[in-house]
C-alpha atoms as a PDB file:
ATOM      1  CA  UNK A   1     -12.816  22.278   8.571  1.00  0.00           C
ATOM      2  CA  UNK A   2     -16.369  21.294   8.335  1.00  0.00           C
ATOM      3  CA  UNK A   3     -17.047  17.369   8.774  1.00  0.00           C
ATOM      4  CA  UNK A   4     -17.553  16.749   5.307  1.00  0.00           C
ATOM      5  CA  UNK A   5     -14.228  18.337   4.362  1.00  0.00           C
ATOM      6  CA  UNK A   6     -12.515  15.974   6.950  1.00  0.00           C
ATOM      7  CA  UNK A   7     -14.384  12.998   5.509  1.00  0.00           C
ATOM      8  CA  UNK A   8     -13.355  13.880   2.083  1.00  0.00           C
ATOM      9  CA  UNK A   9      -9.689  14.303   3.279  1.00  0.00           C
ATOM     10  CA  UNK A  10      -9.655  11.060   5.045  1.00  0.00           C
ATOM     11  CA  UNK A  11     -10.792   9.487   1.949  1.00  0.00           C
ATOM     12  CA  UNK A  12      -8.235  10.758  -0.212  1.00  0.00           C
ATOM     13  CA  UNK A  13      -5.458   9.712   2.423  1.00  0.00           C
ATOM     14  CA  UNK A  14      -6.776   6.193   2.258  1.00  0.00           C
ATOM     15  CA  UNK A  15      -6.875   6.300  -1.537  1.00  0.00           C
ATOM     16  CA  UNK A  16      -3.473   7.162  -1.826  1.00  0.00           C
ATOM     17  CA  UNK A  17      -2.291   4.671   0.548  1.00  0.00           C
ATOM     18  CA  UNK A  18      -3.966   2.145  -1.770  1.00  0.00           C
ATOM     19  CA  UNK A  19      -2.435   3.574  -4.782  1.00  0.00           C
ATOM     20  CA  UNK A  20       0.975   3.292  -3.121  1.00  0.00           C
ATOM     21  CA  UNK A  21       0.734  -0.159  -2.207  1.00  0.00           C
ATOM     22  CA  UNK A  22      -0.518  -1.429  -5.351  1.00  0.00           C
ATOM     23  CA  UNK A  23       2.304   0.634  -7.036  1.00  0.00           C
ATOM     24  CA  UNK A  24       4.791  -1.282  -4.946  1.00  0.00           C
ATOM     25  CA  UNK A  25       3.229  -4.564  -5.889  1.00  0.00           C
ATOM     26  CA  UNK A  26       3.280  -3.882  -9.740  1.00  0.00           C
ATOM     27  CA  UNK A  27       7.224  -2.600  -9.233  1.00  0.00           C
ATOM     28  CA  UNK A  28       7.998  -6.109  -7.806  1.00  0.00           C
ATOM     29  CA  UNK A  29       6.005  -8.073 -10.220  1.00  0.00           C
ATOM     30  CA  UNK A  30       7.810  -5.949 -13.174  1.00  0.00           C
ATOM     31  CA  UNK A  31      11.025  -6.365 -11.440  1.00  0.00           C
ATOM     32  CA  UNK A  32      10.665 -10.197 -11.329  1.00  0.00           C
ATOM     33  CA  UNK A  33       9.432 -10.374 -15.004  1.00  0.00           C
ATOM     34  CA  UNK A  34      12.299  -8.414 -16.322  1.00  0.00           C
ATOM     35  CA  UNK A  35      14.908 -10.348 -14.071  1.00  0.00           C
ATOM     36  CA  UNK A  36      13.406 -13.572 -14.535  1.00  0.00           C
ATOM     37  CA  UNK A  37      13.892 -13.952 -10.699  1.00  0.00           C
ATOM     38  CA  UNK A  38      12.398 -12.289  -7.517  1.00  0.00           C
ATOM     39  CA  UNK A  39      13.606  -8.915  -6.719  1.00  0.00           C
ATOM     40  CA  UNK A  40      16.651  -8.461  -4.353  1.00  0.00           C
ATOM     41  CA  UNK A  41      15.737  -9.232  -0.804  1.00  0.00           C
ATOM     42  CA  UNK A  42      16.826  -5.700   0.307  1.00  0.00           C
ATOM     43  CA  UNK A  43      14.125  -4.299  -2.156  1.00  0.00           C
ATOM     44  CA  UNK A  44      11.410  -6.729  -0.739  1.00  0.00           C
ATOM     45  CA  UNK A  45      12.238  -5.757   2.817  1.00  0.00           C
ATOM     46  CA  UNK A  46      12.128  -1.911   1.968  1.00  0.00           C
ATOM     47  CA  UNK A  47       8.818  -2.633   0.214  1.00  0.00           C
ATOM     48  CA  UNK A  48       7.440  -4.635   3.159  1.00  0.00           C
ATOM     49  CA  UNK A  49       8.481  -1.366   5.448  1.00  0.00           C
ATOM     50  CA  UNK A  50       6.805   0.938   3.018  1.00  0.00           C
ATOM     51  CA  UNK A  51       3.565  -1.140   2.682  1.00  0.00           C
ATOM     52  CA  UNK A  52       3.583  -1.180   6.777  1.00  0.00           C
ATOM     53  CA  UNK A  53       3.418   2.622   6.791  1.00  0.00           C
ATOM     54  CA  UNK A  54       0.873   3.021   4.021  1.00  0.00           C
ATOM     55  CA  UNK A  55      -1.190   0.311   5.896  1.00  0.00           C
ATOM     56  CA  UNK A  56      -0.936   2.182   9.237  1.00  0.00           C
ATOM     57  CA  UNK A  57      -1.940   5.534   7.456  1.00  0.00           C
ATOM     58  CA  UNK A  58      -4.832   3.892   5.919  1.00  0.00           C
ATOM     59  CA  UNK A  59      -6.037   2.067   8.906  1.00  0.00           C
ATOM     60  CA  UNK A  60      -6.095   5.405  10.920  1.00  0.00           C
ATOM     61  CA  UNK A  61      -8.556   7.102   8.315  1.00  0.00           C
ATOM     62  CA  UNK A  62     -10.671   3.877   7.629  1.00  0.00           C
ATOM     63  CA  UNK A  63     -10.151   1.137  10.245  1.00  0.00           C
ATOM     64  CA  UNK A  64     -11.081  -2.176   8.982  1.00  0.00           C
ATOM     65  CA  UNK A  65     -11.180  -1.178   5.358  1.00  0.00           C
ATOM     66  CA  UNK A  66      -9.763  -4.486   4.207  1.00  0.00           C
ATOM     67  CA  UNK A  67      -6.611  -3.124   2.633  1.00  0.00           C
ATOM     68  CA  UNK A  68      -4.384  -4.887   5.159  1.00  0.00           C
ATOM     69  CA  UNK A  69      -6.242  -8.280   4.143  1.00  0.00           C
ATOM     70  CA  UNK A  70      -5.858  -7.755   0.600  1.00  0.00           C
ATOM     71  CA  UNK A  71      -2.076  -6.983   0.759  1.00  0.00           C
ATOM     72  CA  UNK A  72      -1.555 -10.311   2.764  1.00  0.00           C
ATOM     73  CA  UNK A  73      -2.686 -12.048  -0.461  1.00  0.00           C
ATOM     74  CA  UNK A  74      -0.229 -10.649  -2.634  1.00  0.00           C
ATOM     75  CA  UNK A  75       2.426 -12.861  -4.093  1.00  0.00           C
END
């Protein structure tokens, strides 16, 4: 695999991690709106773990991208 292909794959992996974490946030927000209360604690814990995995993947391919800082600001 040439260097350009490696960079492209790293970018795509990072972008997928961003999309995954944003979808988790949308799911939580939608659940809270529909329930008129926060999502169940078990869901929030599962989402926290999933975010952690996505952040680890993103950081592996784009260290210091700011994704972790962004996610810490989510409500």
